[in-house]
Amino acid sequence: MAKLGAFIIAIVLIYSSFFSVLNIIAPRFMMGDTVNSLIGIGADDAKKVATMKSLEFGQKIMGSIGLVISFCGFIILITGFWRGKKWAWWMFLISGVTSYIWGLIYQLWGLIFQGLIMAIKSSIIFQSIAIIALMIGLSISVNSFFKKEQKQ
């Protein structure tokens, strides 16, 4: 079961890497049309074009950070999780779940306080799918990592 859990976690890491790369390559696509309509960007308004470029740069930074985190996750998966090390299971539980939950809180904060409903709806769905898959992968493999040894 540990191998199946590792496979599911590898899928989550690939999924996260994909969206991180999308944030780097196509930040405007990942931000959605709501950001454009929210700041009322126009071709002749230099200040708003600069604002949009600043938002795109921030999106690229977030994508880069996400890619580094995914890469670190692959290292933990290969060096510890596939070998059945308990520390690796705990690392995914604590750091993985914490980072995805933080991402959800961040997205919900934008939803509640900034009104970016359409721009972050898809991000909330992506974050939710990733955290559910990560929890499934960890729960499938928990018995392999924390077996009770029988005394004779």
Protein backbone atom coordinates (compact mmCIF):
# COMPACT_ATOMS: atom_id res chain seq x y z
CA MET A 1 0.00 0.00 0.00
CA ALA A 2 2.95 2.34 0.54
CA LYS A 3 3.76 2.15 -3.18
CA LEU A 4 0.18 3.09 -4.12
CA GLY A 5 0.32 6.00 -1.66
CA ALA A 6 3.66 7.09 -3.14
CA PHE A 7 2.17 6.89 -6.64
CA ILE A 8 -0.79 9.09 -5.63
CA ILE A 9 1.53 11.61 -3.98
CA ALA A 10 3.70 11.62 -7.13
CA ILE A 11 0.57 12.44 -9.16
CA VAL A 12 -0.18 15.31 -6.74
CA LEU A 13 3.36 16.64 -7.16
CA ILE A 14 3.13 16.42 -10.97
CA TYR A 15 -0.25 18.17 -10.79
CA SER A 16 1.23 20.94 -8.61
CA SER A 17 4.24 21.29 -10.89
CA PHE A 18 1.99 21.64 -13.93
CA PHE A 19 0.04 24.52 -12.39
CA SER A 20 3.23 26.14 -11.13
CA VAL A 21 4.64 26.08 -14.66
CA LEU A 22 1.36 27.52 -15.99
CA ASN A 23 1.70 30.40 -13.50
CA ILE A 24 5.19 31.07 -14.83
CA ILE A 25 4.42 30.72 -18.55
CA ALA A 26 0.87 32.13 -18.73
CA PRO A 27 0.22 34.29 -15.64
CA ARG A 28 -2.61 36.26 -17.26
CA PHE A 29 -4.43 33.04 -18.15
CA MET A 30 -4.07 31.79 -14.56
CA MET A 31 -5.32 35.09 -13.12
CA GLY A 32 -8.42 34.95 -15.25
CA ASP A 33 -10.54 37.63 -16.89
CA THR A 34 -11.88 38.96 -13.62
CA VAL A 35 -8.59 40.65 -12.82
CA ASN A 36 -8.74 42.46 -16.16
CA SER A 37 -12.29 43.64 -15.51
CA LEU A 38 -11.57 44.43 -11.86
CA ILE A 39 -8.80 46.92 -12.59
CA GLY A 40 -10.49 48.07 -15.81
CA ILE A 41 -7.39 47.71 -17.91
CA GLY A 42 -7.35 49.65 -21.13
CA ALA A 43 -4.81 49.77 -23.93
CA ASP A 44 -4.29 53.52 -23.54
CA ASP A 45 -3.98 53.64 -19.74
CA ALA A 46 -0.29 53.27 -18.89
CA LYS A 47 -0.85 53.07 -15.10
CA LYS A 48 -3.21 50.14 -15.38
CA VAL A 49 -0.94 48.36 -17.83
CA ALA A 50 1.86 48.73 -15.28
CA THR A 51 -0.46 47.35 -12.59
CA MET A 52 -1.27 44.35 -14.74
CA LYS A 53 2.42 43.72 -15.41
CA SER A 54 3.05 43.89 -11.67
CA LEU A 55 0.27 41.36 -11.03
CA GLU A 56 1.71 39.09 -13.73
CA PHE A 57 5.15 39.33 -12.15
CA GLY A 58 3.67 38.35 -8.76
CA GLN A 59 1.93 35.40 -10.40
CA LYS A 60 5.24 34.29 -11.93
CA ILE A 61 6.94 34.52 -8.53
CA MET A 62 4.20 32.39 -6.95
CA GLY A 63 4.59 29.86 -9.77
CA SER A 64 8.35 29.73 -9.21
CA ILE A 65 7.91 29.17 -5.47
CA GLY A 66 5.37 26.43 -6.17
CA LEU A 67 7.76 24.74 -8.58
CA VAL A 68 10.57 24.76 -6.01
CA ILE A 69 8.21 23.31 -3.37
CA SER A 70 7.10 20.58 -5.79
CA PHE A 71 10.73 19.77 -6.59
CA CYS A 72 11.49 19.46 -2.86
CA GLY A 73 8.46 17.18 -2.57
CA PHE A 74 9.89 14.91 -5.28
CA ILE A 75 13.19 14.74 -3.39
CA ILE A 76 11.38 13.75 -0.17
CA LEU A 77 9.30 11.22 -2.09
CA ILE A 78 12.35 9.57 -3.65
CA THR A 79 14.73 9.71 -0.69
CA GLY A 80 12.37 8.88 2.13
CA PHE A 81 8.81 7.99 1.26
CA TRP A 82 9.55 5.16 -1.17
CA ARG A 83 11.97 3.71 1.37
CA GLY A 84 9.33 3.71 4.09
CA LYS A 85 10.89 6.36 6.33
CA LYS A 86 8.47 7.73 8.90
CA TRP A 87 9.93 11.24 8.71
CA ALA A 88 8.95 11.45 5.04
CA TRP A 89 5.34 10.54 5.83
CA TRP A 90 5.26 13.23 8.53
CA MET A 91 6.87 15.76 6.18
CA PHE A 92 4.11 15.27 3.62
CA LEU A 93 1.43 15.42 6.28
CA ILE A 94 2.70 18.57 7.98
CA SER A 95 4.24 20.56 5.15
CA GLY A 96 2.06 19.33 2.30
CA VAL A 97 -1.27 19.73 4.02
CA THR A 98 -0.19 23.03 5.61
CA SER A 99 0.87 24.54 2.29
CA TYR A 100 -2.31 23.48 0.49
CA ILE A 101 -4.51 24.70 3.35
CA TRP A 102 -2.60 28.00 3.36
CA GLY A 103 -3.23 28.24 -0.37
CA LEU A 104 -6.94 27.67 0.19
CA ILE A 105 -7.07 30.28 2.96
CA TYR A 106 -5.24 32.74 0.72
CA GLN A 107 -7.67 32.12 -2.13
CA LEU A 108 -10.72 32.36 0.15
CA TRP A 109 -9.37 35.61 1.61
CA GLY A 110 -9.29 37.04 -1.90
CA LEU A 111 -12.80 35.76 -2.51
CA ILE A 112 -14.23 37.32 0.64
CA PHE A 113 -12.35 40.60 0.85
CA GLN A 114 -11.37 41.48 -2.69
CA GLY A 115 -14.25 40.11 -4.71
CA LEU A 116 -12.10 38.15 -7.18
CA ILE A 117 -14.75 35.48 -7.50
CA MET A 118 -14.18 34.21 -11.02
CA ALA A 119 -10.40 34.59 -10.96
CA ILE A 120 -9.92 32.25 -8.03
CA LYS A 121 -12.80 29.81 -8.38
CA SER A 122 -10.69 27.46 -10.43
CA SER A 123 -7.72 27.84 -8.06
CA ILE A 124 -9.92 26.84 -5.12
CA ILE A 125 -11.00 23.75 -7.04
CA PHE A 126 -7.37 22.89 -7.95
CA GLN A 127 -6.24 23.35 -4.34
CA SER A 128 -9.12 21.21 -3.05
CA ILE A 129 -8.39 18.38 -5.49
CA ALA A 130 -4.71 18.40 -4.53
CA ILE A 131 -5.32 18.33 -0.78
CA ILE A 132 -7.89 15.54 -1.07
CA ALA A 133 -5.55 13.45 -3.24
CA LEU A 134 -2.65 14.07 -0.86
CA MET A 135 -4.75 12.97 2.12
CA ILE A 136 -5.85 9.83 0.23
CA GLY A 137 -2.22 8.98 -0.59
CA LEU A 138 -1.17 9.48 3.03
CA SER A 139 -4.10 7.55 4.50
CA ILE A 140 -3.55 4.61 2.13
CA SER A 141 0.08 4.34 3.19
CA VAL A 142 -0.28 5.02 6.93
CA ASN A 143 -0.40 1.31 7.86
CA SER A 144 2.81 0.61 5.96
CA PHE A 145 4.67 3.33 7.85
CA PHE A 146 3.27 2.75 11.32
CA LYS A 147 2.86 -1.01 11.66
CA LYS A 148 2.56 -2.35 15.16
CA GLU A 149 5.29 -4.84 15.71
CA GLN A 150 4.10 -8.03 17.34
CA LYS A 151 6.06 -9.21 20.34
CA GLN A 152 6.71 -12.92 20.72
